[in-house]
Amino acid sequence: MNDVTAAEEILSTMLHHLGYDCDVWEVESSDGGPPGLEVTLGDDKEADALLGRDGDRLEDLQFLVNKLLRQRHPGSARVRLDVNGYRARKDDVFLDEVRRQADLVREGGRAVKLEPMNSYQRRLVHHLFRDDPEVETWAPEDESRMKRITLLPRGGV
């Protein structure tokens, strides 16, 4: 049994015991990041309850699933959870704003410093501009959890 299948089993069991009638399946990461599990609920109220305010409950659920997964399968990769495409929509909005900032770099030829972001968001941004011929990314080499990425014209300012 691979890590994602084990995580899917853990999550399905948890949600069943909590009284949710839902489907859970594996989804591939578009950015080479960790594998994911998508939960589909037919009832929007149930989805909202599972998500919590600003996805707080979803974060908690993801933490618990990964904690249990690592207890049962030490060294397993983290699994990312989503409910009814909530994270995917949130990522799209985030990346649209980053693209707007990159347009400013292209038009003005000057660097733009983005707001602090977590490692997952930074990975999305670096992946977005990996092959861009005009814009490149730079982030400081420190140990802080929330770092700022700077978008630069490719080849420097």
N, C-alpha and C. Protein backbone atom coordinates (compact mmCIF):
# COMPACT_ATOMS: atom_id res chain seq x y z
N MET A 1 0.86 -1.18 0.00
CA MET A 1 0.00 0.00 0.00
C MET A 1 0.90 1.24 0.00
N ASN A 2 0.67 2.15 -0.97
CA ASN A 2 1.51 3.35 -1.01
C ASN A 2 0.97 4.40 -0.03
N ASP A 3 1.74 5.47 0.14
CA ASP A 3 1.41 6.52 1.12
C ASP A 3 0.06 7.17 0.84
N VAL A 4 -0.22 7.46 -0.40
CA VAL A 4 -1.47 8.15 -0.74
C VAL A 4 -2.67 7.24 -0.49
N THR A 5 -2.53 5.98 -0.83
CA THR A 5 -3.61 5.02 -0.58
C THR A 5 -3.86 4.89 0.92
N ALA A 6 -2.79 4.85 1.70
CA ALA A 6 -2.93 4.78 3.16
C ALA A 6 -3.59 6.04 3.69
N ALA A 7 -3.20 7.20 3.18
CA ALA A 7 -3.80 8.47 3.61
C ALA A 7 -5.27 8.53 3.22
N GLU A 8 -5.59 8.01 2.04
CA GLU A 8 -6.98 7.98 1.58
C GLU A 8 -7.83 7.11 2.52
N GLU A 9 -7.29 6.00 2.93
CA GLU A 9 -7.99 5.11 3.87
C GLU A 9 -8.20 5.81 5.22
N ILE A 10 -7.16 6.47 5.73
CA ILE A 10 -7.26 7.20 7.00
C ILE A 10 -8.32 8.29 6.92
N LEU A 11 -8.25 9.09 5.86
CA LEU A 11 -9.20 10.20 5.69
C LEU A 11 -10.63 9.70 5.54
N SER A 12 -10.84 8.68 4.72
CA SER A 12 -12.18 8.13 4.52
C SER A 12 -12.77 7.62 5.83
N THR A 13 -11.95 6.94 6.62
CA THR A 13 -12.40 6.42 7.92
C THR A 13 -12.77 7.56 8.86
N MET A 14 -11.91 8.59 8.91
CA MET A 14 -12.19 9.73 9.78
C MET A 14 -13.51 10.41 9.39
N LEU A 15 -13.66 10.68 8.10
CA LEU A 15 -14.86 11.39 7.64
C LEU A 15 -16.12 10.55 7.84
N HIS A 16 -16.00 9.23 7.65
CA HIS A 16 -17.14 8.35 7.88
C HIS A 16 -17.57 8.41 9.36
N HIS A 17 -16.58 8.36 10.27
CA HIS A 17 -16.89 8.42 11.70
C HIS A 17 -17.46 9.78 12.11
N LEU A 18 -17.11 10.82 11.37
CA LEU A 18 -17.66 12.15 11.65
C LEU A 18 -19.04 12.35 11.02
N GLY A 19 -19.49 11.37 10.25
CA GLY A 19 -20.83 11.42 9.69
C GLY A 19 -20.93 12.03 8.30
N TYR A 20 -19.81 12.22 7.63
CA TYR A 20 -19.83 12.79 6.28
C TYR A 20 -20.03 11.71 5.24
N ASP A 21 -20.92 11.98 4.29
CA ASP A 21 -21.14 11.11 3.14
C ASP A 21 -20.40 11.77 1.97
N CYS A 22 -19.24 11.24 1.63
CA CYS A 22 -18.40 11.91 0.63
C CYS A 22 -17.59 10.91 -0.16
N ASP A 23 -16.99 11.39 -1.23
CA ASP A 23 -16.06 10.61 -2.03
C ASP A 23 -14.67 11.18 -1.81
N VAL A 24 -13.67 10.31 -1.74
CA VAL A 24 -12.28 10.71 -1.57
C VAL A 24 -11.47 10.02 -2.65
N TRP A 25 -10.64 10.79 -3.38
CA TRP A 25 -9.78 10.18 -4.38
C TRP A 25 -8.47 10.95 -4.52
N GLU A 26 -7.50 10.27 -5.12
CA GLU A 26 -6.15 10.83 -5.28
C GLU A 26 -6.12 11.79 -6.47
N VAL A 27 -5.40 12.90 -6.29
CA VAL A 27 -5.17 13.85 -7.38
C VAL A 27 -3.67 14.10 -7.48
N GLU A 28 -3.20 14.29 -8.69
CA GLU A 28 -1.78 14.58 -8.93
C GLU A 28 -1.53 16.06 -8.72
N SER A 29 -0.36 16.39 -8.24
CA SER A 29 0.05 17.77 -8.06
C SER A 29 0.48 18.34 -9.40
N SER A 30 0.05 19.55 -9.71
CA SER A 30 0.42 20.18 -10.98
C SER A 30 1.81 20.80 -10.93
N ASP A 31 2.37 20.97 -9.74
CA ASP A 31 3.66 21.66 -9.61
C ASP A 31 4.78 20.74 -9.13
N GLY A 32 4.57 19.44 -9.17
CA GLY A 32 5.60 18.52 -8.71
C GLY A 32 5.66 18.41 -7.20
N GLY A 33 4.71 19.01 -6.51
CA GLY A 33 4.65 18.97 -5.06
C GLY A 33 4.09 17.66 -4.56
N PRO A 34 3.69 17.64 -3.31
CA PRO A 34 3.18 16.39 -2.74
C PRO A 34 1.88 15.95 -3.40
N PRO A 35 1.61 14.65 -3.37
CA PRO A 35 0.35 14.16 -3.91
C PRO A 35 -0.81 14.71 -3.08
N GLY A 36 -2.01 14.61 -3.60
CA GLY A 36 -3.14 15.17 -2.89
C GLY A 36 -4.33 14.25 -2.88
N LEU A 37 -5.27 14.57 -1.98
CA LEU A 37 -6.54 13.87 -1.91
C LEU A 37 -7.65 14.91 -2.04
N GLU A 38 -8.61 14.62 -2.87
CA GLU A 38 -9.76 15.49 -3.07
C GLU A 38 -10.96 14.85 -2.39
N VAL A 39 -11.68 15.65 -1.59
CA VAL A 39 -12.90 15.21 -0.94
C VAL A 39 -14.05 15.92 -1.64
N THR A 40 -15.04 15.16 -2.08
CA THR A 40 -16.21 15.76 -2.73
C THR A 40 -17.43 15.51 -1.88
N LEU A 41 -18.07 16.61 -1.50
CA LEU A 41 -19.30 16.56 -0.72
C LEU A 41 -20.41 17.18 -1.56
N GLY A 42 -21.56 16.55 -1.60
CA GLY A 42 -22.67 17.08 -2.37
C GLY A 42 -23.35 18.26 -1.71
N ASP A 43 -23.26 18.34 -0.42
CA ASP A 43 -23.95 19.38 0.35
C ASP A 43 -22.97 20.52 0.67
N ASP A 44 -23.29 21.74 0.21
CA ASP A 44 -22.41 22.89 0.46
C ASP A 44 -22.25 23.20 1.93
N LYS A 45 -23.31 22.97 2.72
CA LYS A 45 -23.20 23.24 4.16
C LYS A 45 -22.20 22.29 4.82
N GLU A 46 -22.20 21.02 4.39
CA GLU A 46 -21.23 20.07 4.92
C GLU A 46 -19.82 20.46 4.50
N ALA A 47 -19.68 20.88 3.24
CA ALA A 47 -18.36 21.32 2.76
C ALA A 47 -17.87 22.52 3.56
N ASP A 48 -18.74 23.50 3.78
CA ASP A 48 -18.37 24.67 4.58
C ASP A 48 -17.97 24.29 6.00
N ALA A 49 -18.69 23.34 6.57
CA ALA A 49 -18.37 22.88 7.93
C ALA A 49 -17.01 22.20 7.96
N LEU A 50 -16.71 21.42 6.93
CA LEU A 50 -15.43 20.72 6.88
C LEU A 50 -14.28 21.68 6.59
N LEU A 51 -14.54 22.72 5.83
CA LEU A 51 -13.51 23.72 5.52
C LEU A 51 -13.21 24.62 6.70
N GLY A 52 -14.26 25.07 7.40
CA GLY A 52 -14.07 26.03 8.48
C GLY A 52 -13.83 27.42 7.93
N ARG A 53 -13.55 28.35 8.81
CA ARG A 53 -13.28 29.73 8.40
C ARG A 53 -11.92 29.80 7.72
N ASP A 54 -11.89 30.30 6.51
CA ASP A 54 -10.66 30.45 5.72
C ASP A 54 -9.86 29.15 5.62
N GLY A 55 -10.53 28.02 5.62
CA GLY A 55 -9.86 26.73 5.46
C GLY A 55 -9.16 26.22 6.70
N ASP A 56 -9.46 26.81 7.86
CA ASP A 56 -8.79 26.40 9.11
C ASP A 56 -9.03 24.93 9.45
N ARG A 57 -10.27 24.47 9.32
CA ARG A 57 -10.56 23.07 9.65
C ARG A 57 -9.91 22.13 8.64
N LEU A 58 -9.85 22.57 7.40
CA LEU A 58 -9.18 21.76 6.38
C LEU A 58 -7.70 21.61 6.73
N GLU A 59 -7.07 22.69 7.18
CA GLU A 59 -5.66 22.62 7.62
C GLU A 59 -5.51 21.65 8.78
N ASP A 60 -6.44 21.73 9.75
CA ASP A 60 -6.38 20.83 10.91
C ASP A 60 -6.56 19.37 10.48
N LEU A 61 -7.50 19.14 9.59
CA LEU A 61 -7.75 17.78 9.10
C LEU A 61 -6.52 17.26 8.35
N GLN A 62 -5.92 18.09 7.54
CA GLN A 62 -4.71 17.70 6.81
C GLN A 62 -3.58 17.36 7.79
N PHE A 63 -3.44 18.17 8.83
CA PHE A 63 -2.42 17.90 9.85
C PHE A 63 -2.65 16.54 10.50
N LEU A 64 -3.90 16.25 10.88
CA LEU A 64 -4.22 14.98 11.54
C LEU A 64 -3.97 13.79 10.62
N VAL A 65 -4.40 13.91 9.37
CA VAL A 65 -4.21 12.81 8.42
C VAL A 65 -2.72 12.53 8.24
N ASN A 66 -1.92 13.58 8.09
CA ASN A 66 -0.48 13.38 7.90
C ASN A 66 0.20 12.85 9.16
N LYS A 67 -0.27 13.28 10.32
CA LYS A 67 0.27 12.78 11.59
C LYS A 67 0.01 11.27 11.72
N LEU A 68 -1.24 10.87 11.45
CA LEU A 68 -1.57 9.44 11.52
C LEU A 68 -0.83 8.65 10.44
N LEU A 69 -0.70 9.22 9.27
CA LEU A 69 0.00 8.55 8.17
C LEU A 69 1.46 8.28 8.56
N ARG A 70 2.11 9.28 9.15
CA ARG A 70 3.52 9.11 9.54
C ARG A 70 3.70 8.16 10.72
N GLN A 71 2.68 8.07 11.58
CA GLN A 71 2.76 7.10 12.67
C GLN A 71 2.69 5.68 12.12
N ARG A 72 1.82 5.48 11.15
CA ARG A 72 1.64 4.14 10.58
C ARG A 72 2.71 3.80 9.55
N HIS A 73 3.19 4.81 8.81
CA HIS A 73 4.17 4.63 7.75
C HIS A 73 5.27 5.67 7.89
N PRO A 74 6.22 5.44 8.81
CA PRO A 74 7.30 6.42 9.03
C PRO A 74 8.02 6.76 7.72
N GLY A 75 8.32 8.03 7.55
CA GLY A 75 9.03 8.48 6.36
C GLY A 75 8.13 8.74 5.16
N SER A 76 6.83 8.62 5.34
CA SER A 76 5.92 8.84 4.21
C SER A 76 5.88 10.32 3.84
N ALA A 77 5.55 10.57 2.58
CA ALA A 77 5.45 11.95 2.09
C ALA A 77 4.17 12.59 2.61
N ARG A 78 4.21 13.91 2.78
CA ARG A 78 3.01 14.63 3.19
C ARG A 78 1.96 14.57 2.08
N VAL A 79 0.71 14.53 2.49
CA VAL A 79 -0.40 14.50 1.55
C VAL A 79 -1.21 15.78 1.73
N ARG A 80 -1.54 16.42 0.64
CA ARG A 80 -2.30 17.67 0.66
C ARG A 80 -3.78 17.34 0.44
N LEU A 81 -4.65 17.94 1.26
CA LEU A 81 -6.09 17.70 1.14
C LEU A 81 -6.79 18.90 0.52
N ASP A 82 -7.87 18.62 -0.19
CA ASP A 82 -8.73 19.67 -0.73
C ASP A 82 -10.18 19.20 -0.60
N VAL A 83 -11.08 20.15 -0.45
CA VAL A 83 -12.50 19.85 -0.34
C VAL A 83 -13.24 20.65 -1.40
N ASN A 84 -13.93 19.94 -2.29
CA ASN A 84 -14.72 20.54 -3.36
C ASN A 84 -13.94 21.60 -4.14
N GLY A 85 -12.64 21.37 -4.33
CA GLY A 85 -11.82 22.28 -5.12
C GLY A 85 -11.49 23.61 -4.46
N TYR A 86 -11.68 23.72 -3.14
CA TYR A 86 -11.45 24.97 -2.41
C TYR A 86 -10.01 25.47 -2.59
N ARG A 87 -9.05 24.60 -2.32
CA ARG A 87 -7.63 25.01 -2.43
C ARG A 87 -7.26 25.35 -3.86
N ALA A 88 -7.76 24.57 -4.80
CA ALA A 88 -7.46 24.83 -6.21
C ALA A 88 -7.94 26.22 -6.62
N ARG A 89 -9.15 26.58 -6.21
CA ARG A 89 -9.67 27.93 -6.52
C ARG A 89 -8.83 29.00 -5.84
N LYS A 90 -8.47 28.76 -4.59
CA LYS A 90 -7.66 29.72 -3.84
C LYS A 90 -6.28 29.89 -4.49
N ASP A 91 -5.68 28.79 -4.95
CA ASP A 91 -4.40 28.86 -5.64
C ASP A 91 -4.52 29.65 -6.94
N ASP A 92 -5.61 29.46 -7.67
CA ASP A 92 -5.81 30.19 -8.93
C ASP A 92 -5.88 31.70 -8.68
N VAL A 93 -6.61 32.12 -7.66
CA VAL A 93 -6.71 33.54 -7.33
C VAL A 93 -5.33 34.09 -6.95
N PHE A 94 -4.60 33.35 -6.13
CA PHE A 94 -3.26 33.75 -5.71
C PHE A 94 -2.34 33.91 -6.91
N LEU A 95 -2.32 32.92 -7.81
CA LEU A 95 -1.43 32.97 -8.97
C LEU A 95 -1.84 34.05 -9.96
N ASP A 96 -3.12 34.36 -10.06
CA ASP A 96 -3.56 35.47 -10.91
C ASP A 96 -2.96 36.78 -10.43
N GLU A 97 -2.93 36.99 -9.12
CA GLU A 97 -2.33 38.20 -8.57
C GLU A 97 -0.82 38.23 -8.82
N VAL A 98 -0.16 37.10 -8.69
CA VAL A 98 1.28 37.02 -8.96
C VAL A 98 1.54 37.33 -10.44
N ARG A 99 0.71 36.84 -11.33
CA ARG A 99 0.86 37.13 -12.76
C ARG A 99 0.72 38.64 -13.03
N ARG A 100 -0.21 39.29 -12.33
CA ARG A 100 -0.37 40.75 -12.48
C ARG A 100 0.91 41.48 -12.04
N GLN A 101 1.50 41.00 -10.95
CA GLN A 101 2.75 41.60 -10.49
C GLN A 101 3.88 41.36 -11.50
N ALA A 102 3.89 40.19 -12.12
CA ALA A 102 4.91 39.88 -13.13
C ALA A 102 4.74 40.78 -14.35
N ASP A 103 3.51 41.14 -14.69
CA ASP A 103 3.28 42.07 -15.80
C ASP A 103 3.90 43.42 -15.51
N LEU A 104 3.87 43.85 -14.23
CA LEU A 104 4.52 45.10 -13.85
C LEU A 104 6.03 45.02 -14.05
N VAL A 105 6.60 43.86 -13.77
CA VAL A 105 8.04 43.65 -13.98
C VAL A 105 8.35 43.73 -15.47
N ARG A 106 7.53 43.08 -16.29
CA ARG A 106 7.75 43.09 -17.74
C ARG A 106 7.63 44.51 -18.30
N GLU A 107 6.61 45.24 -17.86
CA GLU A 107 6.36 46.58 -18.39
C GLU A 107 7.37 47.61 -17.90
N GLY A 108 7.71 47.56 -16.62
CA GLY A 108 8.58 48.57 -16.05
C GLY A 108 10.04 48.20 -15.99
N GLY A 109 10.35 46.92 -16.15
CA GLY A 109 11.74 46.49 -16.09
C GLY A 109 12.36 46.56 -14.70
N ARG A 110 11.50 46.73 -13.67
CA ARG A 110 12.01 46.81 -12.30
C ARG A 110 11.48 45.65 -11.47
N ALA A 111 12.23 45.32 -10.43
CA ALA A 111 11.87 44.21 -9.55
C ALA A 111 10.62 44.56 -8.74
N VAL A 112 9.85 43.53 -8.42
CA VAL A 112 8.67 43.66 -7.57
C VAL A 112 8.79 42.64 -6.44
N LYS A 113 8.69 43.13 -5.21
CA LYS A 113 8.75 42.24 -4.04
C LYS A 113 7.33 41.85 -3.66
N LEU A 114 7.07 40.54 -3.59
CA LEU A 114 5.75 40.03 -3.26
C LEU A 114 5.56 39.98 -1.74
N GLU A 115 4.32 39.83 -1.32
CA GLU A 115 4.01 39.70 0.11
C GLU A 115 4.61 38.41 0.67
N PRO A 116 4.88 38.34 1.97
CA PRO A 116 5.39 37.10 2.56
C PRO A 116 4.44 35.93 2.30
N MET A 117 5.01 34.76 2.06
CA MET A 117 4.19 33.59 1.77
C MET A 117 4.84 32.33 2.34
N ASN A 118 4.02 31.31 2.51
CA ASN A 118 4.52 30.04 3.05
C ASN A 118 5.23 29.24 1.97
N SER A 119 5.82 28.12 2.35
CA SER A 119 6.63 27.34 1.42
C SER A 119 5.82 26.79 0.24
N TYR A 120 4.57 26.42 0.48
CA TYR A 120 3.74 25.91 -0.60
C TYR A 120 3.51 27.00 -1.65
N GLN A 121 3.17 28.21 -1.20
CA GLN A 121 2.95 29.31 -2.13
C GLN A 121 4.24 29.67 -2.87
N ARG A 122 5.36 29.65 -2.16
CA ARG A 122 6.64 29.95 -2.82
C ARG A 122 6.94 28.93 -3.91
N ARG A 123 6.67 27.66 -3.63
CA ARG A 123 6.88 26.62 -4.63
C ARG A 123 6.02 26.88 -5.87
N LEU A 124 4.76 27.29 -5.66
CA LEU A 124 3.89 27.62 -6.79
C LEU A 124 4.47 28.75 -7.63
N VAL A 125 4.96 29.80 -6.96
CA VAL A 125 5.50 30.97 -7.67
C VAL A 125 6.77 30.58 -8.44
N HIS A 126 7.69 29.89 -7.78
CA HIS A 126 8.93 29.48 -8.47
C HIS A 126 8.60 28.59 -9.67
N HIS A 127 7.64 27.69 -9.51
CA HIS A 127 7.24 26.80 -10.60
C HIS A 127 6.63 27.59 -11.75
N LEU A 128 5.83 28.60 -11.44
CA LEU A 128 5.16 29.41 -12.45
C LEU A 128 6.16 30.11 -13.37
N PHE A 129 7.28 30.57 -12.81
CA PHE A 129 8.25 31.34 -13.59
C PHE A 129 9.51 30.55 -13.96
N ARG A 130 9.49 29.27 -13.71
CA ARG A 130 10.66 28.43 -13.99
C ARG A 130 11.14 28.57 -15.43
N ASP A 131 10.22 28.56 -16.38
CA ASP A 131 10.58 28.61 -17.80
C ASP A 131 10.20 29.94 -18.46
N ASP A 132 9.84 30.94 -17.67
CA ASP A 132 9.45 32.23 -18.23
C ASP A 132 10.68 32.93 -18.82
N PRO A 133 10.61 33.37 -20.07
CA PRO A 133 11.79 34.00 -20.68
C PRO A 133 12.06 35.43 -20.19
N GLU A 134 11.08 36.06 -19.54
CA GLU A 134 11.23 37.46 -19.16
C GLU A 134 11.33 37.72 -17.66
N VAL A 135 10.79 36.81 -16.85
CA VAL A 135 10.73 37.03 -15.40
C VAL A 135 11.35 35.85 -14.67
N GLU A 136 12.15 36.16 -13.64
CA GLU A 136 12.70 35.12 -12.79
C GLU A 136 12.39 35.46 -11.33
N THR A 137 12.57 34.49 -10.46
CA THR A 137 12.26 34.68 -9.04
C THR A 137 13.53 34.61 -8.22
N TRP A 138 13.48 35.28 -7.07
CA TRP A 138 14.57 35.23 -6.11
C TRP A 138 13.97 35.26 -4.72
N ALA A 139 14.50 34.43 -3.82
CA ALA A 139 14.07 34.42 -2.42
C ALA A 139 15.30 34.37 -1.54
N PRO A 140 15.27 35.03 -0.38
CA PRO A 140 16.43 35.01 0.51
C PRO A 140 16.69 33.62 1.08
N GLU A 141 17.93 33.35 1.38
CA GLU A 141 18.33 32.06 1.95
C GLU A 141 18.32 32.16 3.47
N ASP A 142 17.16 32.16 4.08
CA ASP A 142 17.09 32.17 5.54
C ASP A 142 16.13 31.09 6.01
N GLU A 143 15.99 30.96 7.29
CA GLU A 143 15.20 29.88 7.87
C GLU A 143 13.78 30.30 8.24
N SER A 144 13.37 31.51 7.89
CA SER A 144 12.04 31.96 8.29
C SER A 144 10.96 31.17 7.55
N ARG A 145 9.84 31.01 8.20
CA ARG A 145 8.73 30.24 7.63
C ARG A 145 8.04 31.03 6.51
N MET A 146 7.86 32.31 6.73
CA MET A 146 7.21 33.18 5.75
C MET A 146 8.28 34.04 5.08
N LYS A 147 8.51 33.81 3.80
CA LYS A 147 9.52 34.55 3.07
C LYS A 147 8.87 35.33 1.94
N ARG A 148 9.57 36.37 1.51
CA ARG A 148 9.12 37.18 0.38
C ARG A 148 9.93 36.81 -0.85
N ILE A 149 9.24 36.59 -1.94
CA ILE A 149 9.89 36.34 -3.22
C ILE A 149 9.93 37.66 -3.96
N THR A 150 11.03 37.89 -4.66
CA THR A 150 11.15 39.06 -5.52
C THR A 150 11.10 38.58 -6.98
N LEU A 151 10.24 39.23 -7.76
CA LEU A 151 10.18 38.96 -9.19
C LEU A 151 11.11 39.94 -9.89
N LEU A 152 12.00 39.41 -10.74
CA LEU A 152 13.01 40.24 -11.41
C LEU A 152 12.93 40.03 -12.92
N PRO A 153 13.32 41.05 -13.68
CA PRO A 153 13.47 40.80 -15.12
C PRO A 153 14.57 39.75 -15.29
N ARG A 154 14.35 38.78 -16.16
CA ARG A 154 15.34 37.72 -16.34
C ARG A 154 16.66 38.35 -16.78
N GLY A 155 17.72 37.99 -16.09
CA GLY A 155 19.03 38.55 -16.39
C GLY A 155 19.40 39.68 -15.44
N GLY A 156 18.52 40.04 -14.51
CA GLY A 156 18.81 41.06 -13.52
C GLY A 156 18.15 42.39 -13.82
N VAL A 157 18.27 43.29 -12.84
CA VAL A 157 17.65 44.62 -12.95
C VAL A 157 18.54 45.53 -13.73
